[in-house]
C-alpha atoms as a PDB file:
ATOM      1  CA  MET A   1      21.002 -56.202 -17.030  1.00  0.00           C
ATOM      2  CA  THR A   2      21.630 -59.122 -19.907  1.00  0.00           C
ATOM      3  CA  LEU A   3      24.333 -58.175 -22.528  1.00  0.00           C
ATOM      4  CA  ASN A   4      25.510 -60.008 -25.925  1.00  0.00           C
ATOM      5  CA  LEU A   5      29.403 -60.444 -25.554  1.00  0.00           C
ATOM      6  CA  GLU A   6      29.214 -61.248 -29.058  1.00  0.00           C
ATOM      7  CA  ASP A   7      27.495 -58.410 -30.553  1.00  0.00           C
ATOM      8  CA  TYR A   8      29.364 -56.034 -27.813  1.00  0.00           C
ATOM      9  CA  PHE A   9      33.259 -57.340 -29.192  1.00  0.00           C
ATOM     10  CA  SER A  10      31.867 -56.839 -32.184  1.00  0.00           C
ATOM     11  CA  THR A  11      30.653 -53.396 -32.266  1.00  0.00           C
ATOM     12  CA  VAL A  12      34.087 -52.273 -30.757  1.00  0.00           C
ATOM     13  CA  PHE A  13      36.042 -54.483 -32.955  1.00  0.00           C
ATOM     14  CA  GLU A  14      34.676 -52.785 -35.940  1.00  0.00           C
ATOM     15  CA  ASP A  15      34.262 -49.283 -35.329  1.00  0.00           C
ATOM     16  CA  LYS A  16      37.888 -48.693 -33.004  1.00  0.00           C
ATOM     17  CA  LEU A  17      40.070 -51.682 -33.818  1.00  0.00           C
ATOM     18  CA  LEU A  18      39.828 -52.285 -37.363  1.00  0.00           C
ATOM     19  CA  VAL A  19      42.683 -49.632 -39.110  1.00  0.00           C
ATOM     20  CA  LYS A  20      42.439 -49.009 -42.965  1.00  0.00           C
ATOM     21  CA  LEU A  21      46.047 -49.109 -43.782  1.00  0.00           C
ATOM     22  CA  PRO A  22      47.021 -47.489 -47.053  1.00  0.00           C
ATOM     23  CA  GLU A  23      46.547 -49.230 -50.224  1.00  0.00           C
ATOM     24  CA  ARG A  24      50.252 -50.621 -51.706  1.00  0.00           C
ATOM     25  CA  ASP A  25      51.661 -51.780 -55.225  1.00  0.00           C
ATOM     26  CA  ASP A  26      50.992 -56.002 -55.010  1.00  0.00           C
ATOM     27  CA  ASP A  27      54.047 -56.243 -56.652  1.00  0.00           C
ATOM     28  CA  GLN A  28      55.878 -54.270 -53.714  1.00  0.00           C
ATOM     29  CA  VAL A  29      54.273 -55.857 -50.604  1.00  0.00           C
ATOM     30  CA  THR A  30      55.885 -59.497 -50.978  1.00  0.00           C
ATOM     31  CA  GLY A  31      54.104 -62.631 -48.961  1.00  0.00           C
ATOM     32  CA  ALA A  32      56.747 -62.516 -45.937  1.00  0.00           C
ATOM     33  CA  THR A  33      55.578 -58.501 -45.539  1.00  0.00           C
ATOM     34  CA  ARG A  34      51.452 -59.193 -45.719  1.00  0.00           C
ATOM     35  CA  MET A  35      51.945 -61.793 -42.987  1.00  0.00           C
ATOM     36  CA  LEU A  36      53.548 -60.010 -40.741  1.00  0.00           C
ATOM     37  CA  GLU A  37      51.403 -57.386 -41.429  1.00  0.00           C
ATOM     38  CA  LYS A  38      48.977 -59.394 -41.056  1.00  0.00           C
ATOM     39  CA  ARG A  39      50.143 -60.910 -37.345  1.00  0.00           C
ATOM     40  CA  ARG A  40      50.890 -57.339 -36.174  1.00  0.00           C
ATOM     41  CA  GLU A  41      47.799 -56.871 -37.038  1.00  0.00           C
ATOM     42  CA  MET A  42      45.991 -60.388 -35.120  1.00  0.00           C
ATOM     43  CA  LYS A  43      47.988 -58.845 -32.306  1.00  0.00           C
ATOM     44  CA  GLU A  44      46.960 -55.238 -32.252  1.00  0.00           C
ATOM     45  CA  VAL A  45      43.017 -56.790 -32.681  1.00  0.00           C
ATOM     46  CA  GLU A  46      44.053 -59.038 -29.496  1.00  0.00           C
ATOM     47  CA  GLN A  47      45.424 -56.397 -26.838  1.00  0.00           C
ATOM     48  CA  ALA A  48      42.361 -53.832 -28.201  1.00  0.00           C
ATOM     49  CA  LEU A  49      40.463 -56.929 -27.325  1.00  0.00           C
ATOM     50  CA  GLY A  50      41.874 -57.595 -23.906  1.00  0.00           C
ATOM     51  CA  ALA A  51      41.731 -53.996 -23.004  1.00  0.00           C
ATOM     52  CA  GLN A  52      37.616 -53.758 -24.106  1.00  0.00           C
ATOM     53  CA  LYS A  53      37.027 -56.964 -22.470  1.00  0.00           C
ATOM     54  CA  GLU A  54      38.690 -56.237 -18.767  1.00  0.00           C
ATOM     55  CA  GLU A  55      37.034 -52.914 -19.451  1.00  0.00           C
ATOM     56  CA  PHE A  56      33.751 -54.473 -19.263  1.00  0.00           C
ATOM     57  CA  LEU A  57      34.213 -57.376 -17.159  1.00  0.00           C
ATOM     58  CA  MET A  58      34.820 -53.801 -14.819  1.00  0.00           C
ATOM     59  CA  LYS A  59      32.093 -52.169 -15.542  1.00  0.00           C
ATOM     60  CA  MET A  60      30.253 -55.022 -15.077  1.00  0.00           C
ATOM     61  CA  GLU A  61      31.285 -55.904 -11.371  1.00  0.00           C
ATOM     62  CA  SER A  62      30.647 -52.747 -11.080  1.00  0.00           C
ATOM     63  CA  LEU A  63      26.888 -52.623 -12.024  1.00  0.00           C
ATOM     64  CA  GLN A  64      26.666 -55.736  -9.823  1.00  0.00           C
ATOM     65  CA  GLN A  65      27.353 -54.707  -6.590  1.00  0.00           C
ATOM     66  CA  ARG A  66      25.276 -51.103  -7.213  1.00  0.00           C
ATOM     67  CA  ARG A  67      22.721 -53.848  -8.138  1.00  0.00           C
ATOM     68  CA  ASP A  68      23.599 -55.952  -5.247  1.00  0.00           C
ATOM     69  CA  GLU A  69      23.562 -52.563  -3.031  1.00  0.00           C
ATOM     70  CA  LEU A  70      20.327 -51.560  -4.644  1.00  0.00           C
ATOM     71  CA  GLN A  71      18.761 -54.561  -3.586  1.00  0.00           C
ATOM     72  CA  ARG A  72      19.952 -53.758   0.374  1.00  0.00           C
ATOM     73  CA  LYS A  73      18.442 -51.065   0.518  1.00  0.00           C
ATOM     74  CA  GLU A  74      15.573 -51.934  -1.045  1.00  0.00           C
ATOM     75  CA  PHE A  75      15.070 -54.667   1.495  1.00  0.00           C
ATOM     76  CA  GLN A  76      16.561 -52.462   4.327  1.00  0.00           C
ATOM     77  CA  LEU A  77      13.035 -50.198   2.753  1.00  0.00           C
ATOM     78  CA  GLN A  78      11.012 -52.971   2.611  1.00  0.00           C
ATOM     79  CA  GLU A  79      11.532 -53.729   6.366  1.00  0.00           C
ATOM     80  CA  ALA A  80      10.977 -50.071   7.283  1.00  0.00           C
ATOM     81  CA  LEU A  81       7.789 -50.165   5.433  1.00  0.00           C
ATOM     82  CA  LEU A  82       6.466 -53.302   6.839  1.00  0.00           C
ATOM     83  CA  LYS A  83       7.829 -51.714  10.664  1.00  0.00           C
ATOM     84  CA  PHE A  84       5.837 -48.821   9.516  1.00  0.00           C
ATOM     85  CA  ASP A  85       2.587 -49.814   8.416  1.00  0.00           C
ATOM     86  CA  LYS A  86       2.648 -52.307  11.391  1.00  0.00           C
ATOM     87  CA  PHE A  87       2.766 -49.303  13.362  1.00  0.00           C
ATOM     88  CA  LEU A  88       0.017 -47.598  11.409  1.00  0.00           C
ATOM     89  CA  LYS A  89      -2.070 -50.978  12.600  1.00  0.00           C
ATOM     90  CA  GLU A  90      -1.348 -51.476  16.041  1.00  0.00           C
ATOM     91  CA  ASN A  91      -2.464 -47.316  16.730  1.00  0.00           C
ATOM     92  CA  ASP A  92      -5.479 -47.978  14.191  1.00  0.00           C
ATOM     93  CA  THR A  93      -6.125 -51.329  16.667  1.00  0.00           C
ATOM     94  CA  LYS A  94      -5.869 -49.127  19.774  1.00  0.00           C
ATOM     95  CA  ARG A  95      -7.854 -46.239  18.272  1.00  0.00           C
ATOM     96  CA  SER A  96     -10.716 -47.895  17.006  1.00  0.00           C
ATOM     97  CA  ARG A  97     -10.654 -50.091  20.893  1.00  0.00           C
ATOM     98  CA  ALA A  98     -10.263 -46.818  22.159  1.00  0.00           C
ATOM     99  CA  VAL A  99     -13.460 -44.991  20.274  1.00  0.00           C
ATOM    100  CA  LYS A 100     -15.128 -47.911  20.856  1.00  0.00           C
ATOM    101  CA  LYS A 101     -14.616 -47.703  24.458  1.00  0.00           C
ATOM    102  CA  THR A 102     -15.660 -44.091  24.036  1.00  0.00           C
ATOM    103  CA  LYS A 103     -18.649 -44.856  21.762  1.00  0.00           C
ATOM    104  CA  GLU A 104     -20.336 -47.888  24.636  1.00  0.00           C
ATOM    105  CA  GLU A 105     -19.550 -45.105  27.507  1.00  0.00           C
ATOM    106  CA  ARG A 106     -21.826 -42.863  25.992  1.00  0.00           C
ATOM    107  CA  GLU A 107     -23.865 -44.632  24.942  1.00  0.00           C
ATOM    108  CA  VAL A 108     -24.825 -46.739  28.188  1.00  0.00           C
ATOM    109  CA  ASN A 109     -24.310 -42.803  29.725  1.00  0.00           C
ATOM    110  CA  ASN A 110     -27.653 -42.212  26.982  1.00  0.00           C
ATOM    111  CA  VAL A 111     -29.426 -45.534  28.481  1.00  0.00           C
ATOM    112  CA  LYS A 112     -28.918 -44.020  31.900  1.00  0.00           C
ATOM    113  CA  PHE A 113     -30.234 -40.474  31.318  1.00  0.00           C
ATOM    114  CA  LYS A 114     -33.628 -42.045  29.734  1.00  0.00           C
ATOM    115  CA  GLU A 115     -34.327 -44.561  32.634  1.00  0.00           C
ATOM    116  CA  LEU A 116     -33.567 -41.803  35.109  1.00  0.00           C
ATOM    117  CA  MET A 117     -35.906 -39.508  32.267  1.00  0.00           C
ATOM    118  CA  GLY A 118     -38.359 -42.791  32.488  1.00  0.00           C
ATOM    119  CA  PHE A 119     -39.033 -42.780  36.411  1.00  0.00           C
ATOM    120  CA  GLN A 120     -39.545 -39.311  37.489  1.00  0.00           C
ATOM    121  CA  GLU A 121     -42.207 -39.107  34.794  1.00  0.00           C
ATOM    122  CA  GLU A 122     -43.150 -42.724  36.209  1.00  0.00           C
ATOM    123  CA  LEU A 123     -42.892 -40.224  39.553  1.00  0.00           C
ATOM    124  CA  GLU A 124     -45.047 -37.948  38.158  1.00  0.00           C
ATOM    125  CA  GLN A 125     -47.625 -40.302  36.880  1.00  0.00           C
ATOM    126  CA  VAL A 126     -48.251 -41.608  40.349  1.00  0.00           C
ATOM    127  CA  THR A 127     -48.276 -37.909  41.915  1.00  0.00           C
ATOM    128  CA  LYS A 128     -50.679 -37.769  39.992  1.00  0.00           C
ATOM    129  CA  GLN A 129     -53.033 -40.468  39.776  1.00  0.00           C
ATOM    130  CA  ARG A 130     -52.068 -40.276  44.075  1.00  0.00           C
ATOM    131  CA  ASP A 131     -53.510 -36.317  44.038  1.00  0.00           C
ATOM    132  CA  ASP A 132     -56.879 -37.796  41.688  1.00  0.00           C
ATOM    133  CA  LEU A 133     -58.054 -40.848  44.057  1.00  0.00           C
ATOM    134  CA  LEU A 134     -57.322 -37.975  47.086  1.00  0.00           C
ATOM    135  CA  GLU A 135     -59.789 -35.821  45.500  1.00  0.00           C
ATOM    136  CA  MET A 136     -61.443 -38.309  43.972  1.00  0.00           C
ATOM    137  CA  MET A 137     -62.093 -39.946  47.726  1.00  0.00           C
ATOM    138  CA  ASN A 138     -63.125 -35.934  49.039  1.00  0.00           C
ATOM    139  CA  LYS A 139     -65.753 -35.871  46.072  1.00  0.00           C
ATOM    140  CA  TYR A 140     -67.297 -39.498  47.285  1.00  0.00           C
ATOM    141  CA  LYS A 141     -67.204 -38.737  50.635  1.00  0.00           C
ATOM    142  CA  PRO A 142     -71.003 -37.508  51.004  1.00  0.00           C
ATOM    143  CA  PHE A 143     -72.482 -40.796  48.786  1.00  0.00           C
ATOM    144  CA  GLN A 144     -70.170 -42.298  51.702  1.00  0.00           C
ATOM    145  CA  LYS A 145     -72.350 -41.053  54.126  1.00  0.00           C
ATOM    146  CA  TYR A 146     -75.545 -41.350  52.234  1.00  0.00           C
ATOM    147  CA  LEU A 147     -75.307 -44.952  52.210  1.00  0.00           C
ATOM    148  CA  GLU A 148     -74.284 -45.563  55.287  1.00  0.00           C
ATOM    149  CA  GLN A 149     -77.290 -43.805  56.755  1.00  0.00           C
ATOM    150  CA  ALA A 150     -79.481 -46.253  54.265  1.00  0.00           C
ATOM    151  CA  LEU A 151     -77.845 -49.165  55.982  1.00  0.00           C
ATOM    152  CA  GLU A 152     -79.007 -48.112  59.209  1.00  0.00           C
ATOM    153  CA  GLN A 153     -82.790 -47.150  58.062  1.00  0.00           C
ATOM    154  CA  GLY A 154     -82.930 -50.618  56.069  1.00  0.00           C
ATOM    155  CA  GLU A 155     -82.678 -54.110  56.820  1.00  0.00           C
ATOM    156  CA  GLN A 156     -81.988 -55.926  53.228  1.00  0.00           C
ATOM    157  CA  PHE A 157     -78.198 -54.751  53.475  1.00  0.00           C
ATOM    158  CA  GLN A 158     -76.054 -55.191  55.770  1.00  0.00           C
ATOM    159  CA  GLU A 159     -72.330 -53.819  54.802  1.00  0.00           C
ATOM    160  CA  ILE A 160     -72.005 -51.258  52.196  1.00  0.00           C
ATOM    161  CA  ARG A 161     -70.582 -53.309  49.743  1.00  0.00           C
ATOM    162  CA  GLU A 162     -73.391 -55.103  49.562  1.00  0.00           C
ATOM    163  CA  VAL A 163     -75.432 -52.151  48.382  1.00  0.00           C
ATOM    164  CA  ILE A 164     -72.291 -51.311  45.473  1.00  0.00           C
ATOM    165  CA  GLY A 165     -72.761 -54.822  44.478  1.00  0.00           C
ATOM    166  CA  ARG A 166     -76.763 -54.858  44.347  1.00  0.00           C
ATOM    167  CA  HIS A 167     -75.927 -51.822  41.951  1.00  0.00           C
ATOM    168  CA  ASP A 168     -73.303 -53.010  39.831  1.00  0.00           C
ATOM    169  CA  THR A 169     -75.772 -56.440  39.166  1.00  0.00           C
ATOM    170  CA  LEU A 170     -78.341 -53.536  38.211  1.00  0.00           C
ATOM    171  CA  VAL A 171     -76.674 -51.982  36.178  1.00  0.00           C
ATOM    172  CA  SER A 172     -74.910 -55.256  33.992  1.00  0.00           C
ATOM    173  CA  LEU A 173     -78.701 -56.419  33.667  1.00  0.00           C
ATOM    174  CA  TYR A 174     -79.894 -53.269  31.974  1.00  0.00           C
ATOM    175  CA  SER A 175     -76.343 -53.073  29.710  1.00  0.00           C
ATOM    176  CA  HIS A 176     -77.524 -56.111  28.520  1.00  0.00           C
ATOM    177  CA  LEU A 177     -80.975 -55.557  28.487  1.00  0.00           C
ATOM    178  CA  VAL A 178     -79.731 -52.570  26.452  1.00  0.00           C
ATOM    179  CA  ASP A 179     -77.863 -54.455  23.952  1.00  0.00           C
ATOM    180  CA  ILE A 180     -80.457 -57.174  23.600  1.00  0.00           C
ATOM    181  CA  GLU A 181     -82.750 -54.205  22.338  1.00  0.00           C
ATOM    182  CA  ILE A 182     -79.977 -52.898  19.579  1.00  0.00           C
ATOM    183  CA  PHE A 183     -79.138 -56.715  18.374  1.00  0.00           C
ATOM    184  CA  ASN A 184     -82.679 -57.383  17.932  1.00  0.00           C
ATOM    185  CA  GLN A 185     -83.657 -53.855  16.635  1.00  0.00           C
ATOM    186  CA  ASP A 186     -80.758 -54.399  13.936  1.00  0.00           C
ATOM    187  CA  LYS A 187     -82.112 -58.058  13.350  1.00  0.00           C
ATOM    188  CA  VAL A 188     -85.753 -56.662  12.469  1.00  0.00           C
ATOM    189  CA  GLU A 189     -84.155 -54.080  10.049  1.00  0.00           C
ATOM    190  CA  ASP A 190     -81.758 -56.500   8.482  1.00  0.00           C
ATOM    191  CA  ILE A 191     -84.788 -59.082   8.014  1.00  0.00           C
ATOM    192  CA  ARG A 192     -87.084 -55.996   6.441  1.00  0.00           C
ATOM    193  CA  SER A 193     -84.192 -55.339   3.898  1.00  0.00           C
ATOM    194  CA  THR A 194     -83.585 -58.670   3.758  1.00  0.00           C
ATOM    195  CA  ILE A 195     -87.062 -58.532   2.558  1.00  0.00           C
ATOM    196  CA  ALA A 196     -87.179 -55.855   0.225  1.00  0.00           C
ATOM    197  CA  ARG A 197     -84.260 -56.915  -1.844  1.00  0.00           C
ATOM    198  CA  ASN A 198     -85.637 -60.264  -1.957  1.00  0.00           C
ATOM    199  CA  LYS A 199     -88.756 -58.828  -3.625  1.00  0.00           C
ATOM    200  CA  GLU A 200     -86.984 -56.210  -5.889  1.00  0.00           C
ATOM    201  CA  THR A 201     -84.310 -59.464  -6.509  1.00  0.00           C
ATOM    202  CA  LYS A 202     -87.751 -61.732  -7.291  1.00  0.00           C
ATOM    203  CA  ASN A 203     -89.232 -58.784  -9.244  1.00  0.00           C
ATOM    204  CA  ASN A 204     -86.338 -58.480 -11.724  1.00  0.00           C
ATOM    205  CA  GLU A 205     -86.725 -62.178 -12.372  1.00  0.00           C
ATOM    206  CA  ILE A 206     -90.073 -62.082 -12.926  1.00  0.00           C
ATOM    207  CA  LEU A 207     -89.084 -59.179 -14.906  1.00  0.00           C
ATOM    208  CA  ARG A 208     -85.849 -61.159 -17.063  1.00  0.00           C
ATOM    209  CA  TYR A 209     -88.481 -64.232 -17.429  1.00  0.00           C
ATOM    210  CA  ASN A 210     -90.878 -62.729 -19.594  1.00  0.00           C
ATOM    211  CA  ASN A 211     -88.218 -61.340 -21.330  1.00  0.00           C
ATOM    212  CA  GLU A 212     -86.062 -64.713 -21.867  1.00  0.00           C
ATOM    213  CA  LEU A 213     -90.016 -66.415 -22.676  1.00  0.00           C
ATOM    214  CA  ALA A 214     -90.978 -63.668 -25.270  1.00  0.00           C
ATOM    215  CA  HIS A 215     -87.911 -64.104 -27.029  1.00  0.00           C
ATOM    216  CA  LEU A 216     -88.145 -67.734 -26.292  1.00  0.00           C
ATOM    217  CA  GLN A 217     -91.390 -67.149 -28.560  1.00  0.00           C
ATOM    218  CA  THR A 218     -89.466 -65.023 -31.352  1.00  0.00           C
ATOM    219  CA  GLN A 219     -87.080 -67.794 -31.605  1.00  0.00           C
ATOM    220  CA  LEU A 220     -89.759 -70.547 -31.896  1.00  0.00           C
ATOM    221  CA  GLU A 221     -90.875 -68.809 -34.438  1.00  0.00           C
ATOM    222  CA  VAL A 222     -87.934 -67.713 -36.317  1.00  0.00           C
ATOM    223  CA  GLU A 223     -86.742 -72.255 -35.118  1.00  0.00           C
ATOM    224  CA  ARG A 224     -90.064 -73.553 -37.152  1.00  0.00           C
ATOM    225  CA  SER A 225     -89.190 -71.190 -40.607  1.00  0.00           C
ATOM    226  CA  ASN A 226     -86.246 -72.563 -40.246  1.00  0.00           C
ATOM    227  CA  ALA A 227     -87.435 -75.975 -39.860  1.00  0.00           C
ATOM    228  CA  VAL A 228     -89.106 -75.641 -42.984  1.00  0.00           C
ATOM    229  CA  MET A 229     -86.092 -74.583 -44.775  1.00  0.00           C
ATOM    230  CA  TRP A 230     -83.735 -77.653 -43.486  1.00  0.00           C
ATOM    231  CA  GLU A 231     -86.345 -80.367 -44.510  1.00  0.00           C
ATOM    232  CA  GLN A 232     -86.984 -78.945 -48.012  1.00  0.00           C
ATOM    233  CA  LYS A 233     -82.964 -79.036 -47.620  1.00  0.00           C
ATOM    234  CA  TRP A 234     -82.883 -82.042 -46.474  1.00  0.00           C
ATOM    235  CA  GLN A 235     -85.031 -83.863 -49.321  1.00  0.00           C
ATOM    236  CA  LYS A 236     -82.978 -82.231 -51.476  1.00  0.00           C
ATOM    237  CA  ILE A 237     -79.909 -82.711 -50.098  1.00  0.00           C
ATOM    238  CA  GLN A 238     -81.599 -87.115 -49.648  1.00  0.00           C
ATOM    239  CA  SER A 239     -82.217 -86.691 -53.540  1.00  0.00           C
ATOM    240  CA  THR A 240     -78.282 -85.467 -54.313  1.00  0.00           C
ATOM    241  CA  ALA A 241     -77.029 -88.655 -52.277  1.00  0.00           C
ATOM    242  CA  ALA A 242     -78.981 -91.481 -53.750  1.00  0.00           C
ATOM    243  CA  THR A 243     -77.789 -89.658 -56.991  1.00  0.00           C
ATOM    244  CA  LYS A 244     -74.169 -89.472 -55.781  1.00  0.00           C
ATOM    245  CA  THR A 245     -74.423 -93.316 -53.995  1.00  0.00           C
ATOM    246  CA  LEU A 246     -75.099 -94.255 -57.354  1.00  0.00           C
ATOM    247  CA  LEU A 247     -72.757 -93.091 -59.326  1.00  0.00           C
ATOM    248  CA  LEU A 248     -70.122 -93.827 -56.435  1.00  0.00           C
ATOM    249  CA  GLY A 249     -72.131 -97.871 -56.885  1.00  0.00           C
ATOM    250  CA  THR A 250     -71.073 -97.521 -60.731  1.00  0.00           C
ATOM    251  CA  LEU A 251     -67.315 -95.927 -60.234  1.00  0.00           C
ATOM    252  CA  LYS A 252     -66.381 -98.847 -57.945  1.00  0.00           C
ATOM    253  CA  MET A 253     -68.103-101.035 -60.323  1.00  0.00           C
ATOM    254  CA  SER A 254     -65.805-100.102 -63.327  1.00  0.00           C
ATOM    255  CA  SER A 255     -62.698 -99.715 -60.222  1.00  0.00           C
ATOM    256  CA  TYR A 256     -63.408-103.324 -60.227  1.00  0.00           C
ATOM    257  CA  ASN A 257     -63.311-104.321 -63.788  1.00  0.00           C
ATOM    258  CA  LEU A 258     -60.349-102.322 -64.469  1.00  0.00           C
ATOM    259  CA  PHE A 259     -58.322-104.242 -61.349  1.00  0.00           C
ATOM    260  CA  GLN A 260     -59.481-107.028 -63.071  1.00  0.00           C
ATOM    261  CA  LEU A 261     -58.269-106.921 -66.438  1.00  0.00           C
ATOM    262  CA  VAL A 262     -55.470-105.459 -64.756  1.00  0.00           C
ATOM    263  CA  GLN A 263     -55.115-109.115 -62.822  1.00  0.00           C
ATOM    264  CA  LYS A 264     -55.450-110.906 -66.011  1.00  0.00           C
ATOM    265  CA  HIS A 265     -53.252-109.015 -67.947  1.00  0.00           C
ATOM    266  CA  LEU A 266     -50.469-109.613 -65.250  1.00  0.00           C
ATOM    267  CA  LYS A 267     -51.805-112.892 -65.144  1.00  0.00           C
ATOM    268  CA  THR A 268     -50.994-112.594 -61.387  1.00  0.00           C
ATOM    269  CA  ASN A 269     -54.011-112.783 -57.918  1.00  0.00           C
ATOM    270  CA  VAL A 270     -53.362-110.165 -55.794  1.00  0.00           C
ATOM    271  CA  THR A 271     -55.547-111.487 -52.342  1.00  0.00           C
ATOM    272  CA  SER A 272     -54.425-109.015 -50.527  1.00  0.00           C
ATOM    273  CA  VAL A 273     -57.181-106.235 -51.613  1.00  0.00           C
ATOM    274  CA  ALA A 274     -60.414-106.538 -50.828  1.00  0.00           C
ATOM    275  CA  ASP A 275     -63.233-106.305 -53.106  1.00  0.00           C
ATOM    276  CA  TYR A 276     -64.740-103.298 -51.286  1.00  0.00           C
ATOM    277  CA  ASP A 277     -61.199-101.272 -51.177  1.00  0.00           C
ATOM    278  CA  THR A 278     -61.638 -99.264 -54.117  1.00  0.00           C
ATOM    279  CA  GLU A 279     -58.462 -97.044 -52.787  1.00  0.00           C
ATOM    280  CA  SER A 280     -56.339-100.305 -52.917  1.00  0.00           C
ATOM    281  CA  GLN A 281     -57.329-101.172 -56.923  1.00  0.00           C
ATOM    282  CA  LEU A 282     -57.391 -97.872 -58.136  1.00  0.00           C
ATOM    283  CA  ASP A 283     -53.488 -97.693 -56.281  1.00  0.00           C
ATOM    284  CA  ARG A 284     -52.850-100.858 -58.731  1.00  0.00           C
ATOM    285  CA  ILE A 285     -54.377 -99.844 -61.356  1.00  0.00           C
ATOM    286  CA  ALA A 286     -52.283 -96.404 -61.342  1.00  0.00           C
ATOM    287  CA  THR A 287     -48.986 -98.912 -61.336  1.00  0.00           C
ATOM    288  CA  PHE A 288     -49.642-100.504 -64.080  1.00  0.00           C
ATOM    289  CA  VAL A 289     -51.155 -97.395 -65.947  1.00  0.00           C
ATOM    290  CA  ASN A 290     -47.507 -95.780 -64.881  1.00  0.00           C
ATOM    291  CA  ASP A 291     -45.472 -99.133 -65.985  1.00  0.00           C
ATOM    292  CA  LEU A 292     -47.093-100.227 -69.108  1.00  0.00           C
ATOM    293  CA  THR A 293     -46.859 -95.969 -69.962  1.00  0.00           C
ATOM    294  CA  HIS A 294     -42.852 -96.136 -69.109  1.00  0.00           C
ATOM    295  CA  ILE A 295     -42.868 -99.930 -71.331  1.00  0.00           C
ATOM    296  CA  THR A 296     -44.378 -98.048 -73.968  1.00  0.00           C
ATOM    297  CA  ARG A 297     -41.311 -95.011 -73.766  1.00  0.00           C
ATOM    298  CA  GLU A 298     -38.842 -97.301 -73.488  1.00  0.00           C
ATOM    299  CA  ILE A 299     -40.467 -99.083 -76.996  1.00  0.00           C
ATOM    300  CA  LYS A 300     -40.994 -96.169 -79.270  1.00  0.00           C
ATOM    301  CA  GLU A 301     -37.413 -94.962 -78.226  1.00  0.00           C
ATOM    302  CA  GLN A 302     -36.160 -98.355 -78.875  1.00  0.00           C
ATOM    303  CA  GLU A 303     -37.895 -98.544 -82.030  1.00  0.00           C
ATOM    304  CA  LYS A 304     -36.202 -94.341 -83.056  1.00  0.00           C
ATOM    305  CA  ARG A 305     -32.955 -96.103 -82.531  1.00  0.00           C
ATOM    306  CA  GLU A 306     -33.478 -99.224 -84.549  1.00  0.00           C
ATOM    307  CA  SER A 307     -34.793 -97.550 -87.564  1.00  0.00           C
ATOM    308  CA  ALA A 308     -31.947 -94.612 -86.907  1.00  0.00           C
ATOM    309  CA  GLU A 309     -29.201 -97.624 -86.964  1.00  0.00           C
ATOM    310  CA  SER A 310     -30.764 -99.179 -90.183  1.00  0.00           C
ATOM    311  CA  GLU A 311     -31.160 -95.984 -92.241  1.00  0.00           C
ATOM    312  CA  GLN A 312     -27.585 -95.113 -91.324  1.00  0.00           C
ATOM    313  CA  VAL A 313     -26.746 -98.768 -92.863  1.00  0.00           C
ATOM    314  CA  HIS A 314     -28.231 -98.522 -96.115  1.00  0.00           C
ATOM    315  CA  GLU A 315     -26.733 -94.977 -96.048  1.00  0.00           C
ATOM    316  CA  ASP A 316     -23.535 -96.694 -95.452  1.00  0.00           C
ATOM    317  CA  GLY A 317     -24.798 -99.520 -98.000  1.00  0.00           C
ATOM    318  CA  GLU A 318     -25.620 -97.177-100.553  1.00  0.00           C
ATOM    319  CA  GLU A 319     -21.985 -94.987-100.447  1.00  0.00           C
ATOM    320  CA  GLN A 320     -20.200 -98.310-101.162  1.00  0.00           C
END
């Protein structure tokens, strides 16, 4: 809390301490009386200010004590909040660990239960396979007896597995021959399809070439007529070009003659401009014409000024 002592005492002095004395007649009040009154007023003001200052200091001390008490209580409250927050965090940590442990145990139990169910299913499948094999063995027992009898009657094979091996070889060979036959048939069909596609493609190409030939023949006729027309135009262009060439030569000669006249007038010999460089010659001629026009304009303006001055002098002379 920040207080301005000067403003405070000034306000107190203006509101409570200044006492307006009754007006007296200046003739009845002497200087000594005024002095005593002023001293008394000053003493009363000082006493009042001292009392107000003491009261203010007491209030400030009381406020400081209250502030210290509030700070102490605030510090105690912050410590209590920190302890409570620490207690809550510890409880949350313990609860999180317990929940995590429970979740892990539940997951382990679920995995074990799934493994148990998988073992039971595997056991059922193995039992079923055993029953199927027993059933198949009972089913093929007559064939075993038949093979044993065949071995006893024949001399080519000594054991049953040799007969089964021969049978597997023949079945494999038959399957291979069937695959070869199917492959050959597919290949023949592919060849037939390829021949048909090639034949159709060639027919389309022949038709396209015939159409292109007819189009090219038509185009040839058009180009022949165009050639005659362009030949006529070329003859006309050659005739026009000869005329233009003659005119260009005349212009170049005129330009060169003018350039020579400019050189003679300027009494200079420009060696940097070639005889065939008509464009540079025209640039020099244009520069000379512009300079000559500018000089002529300045001369005319000078003559006008001199004429005006002479007229002014003549008029002044007549007036005199």
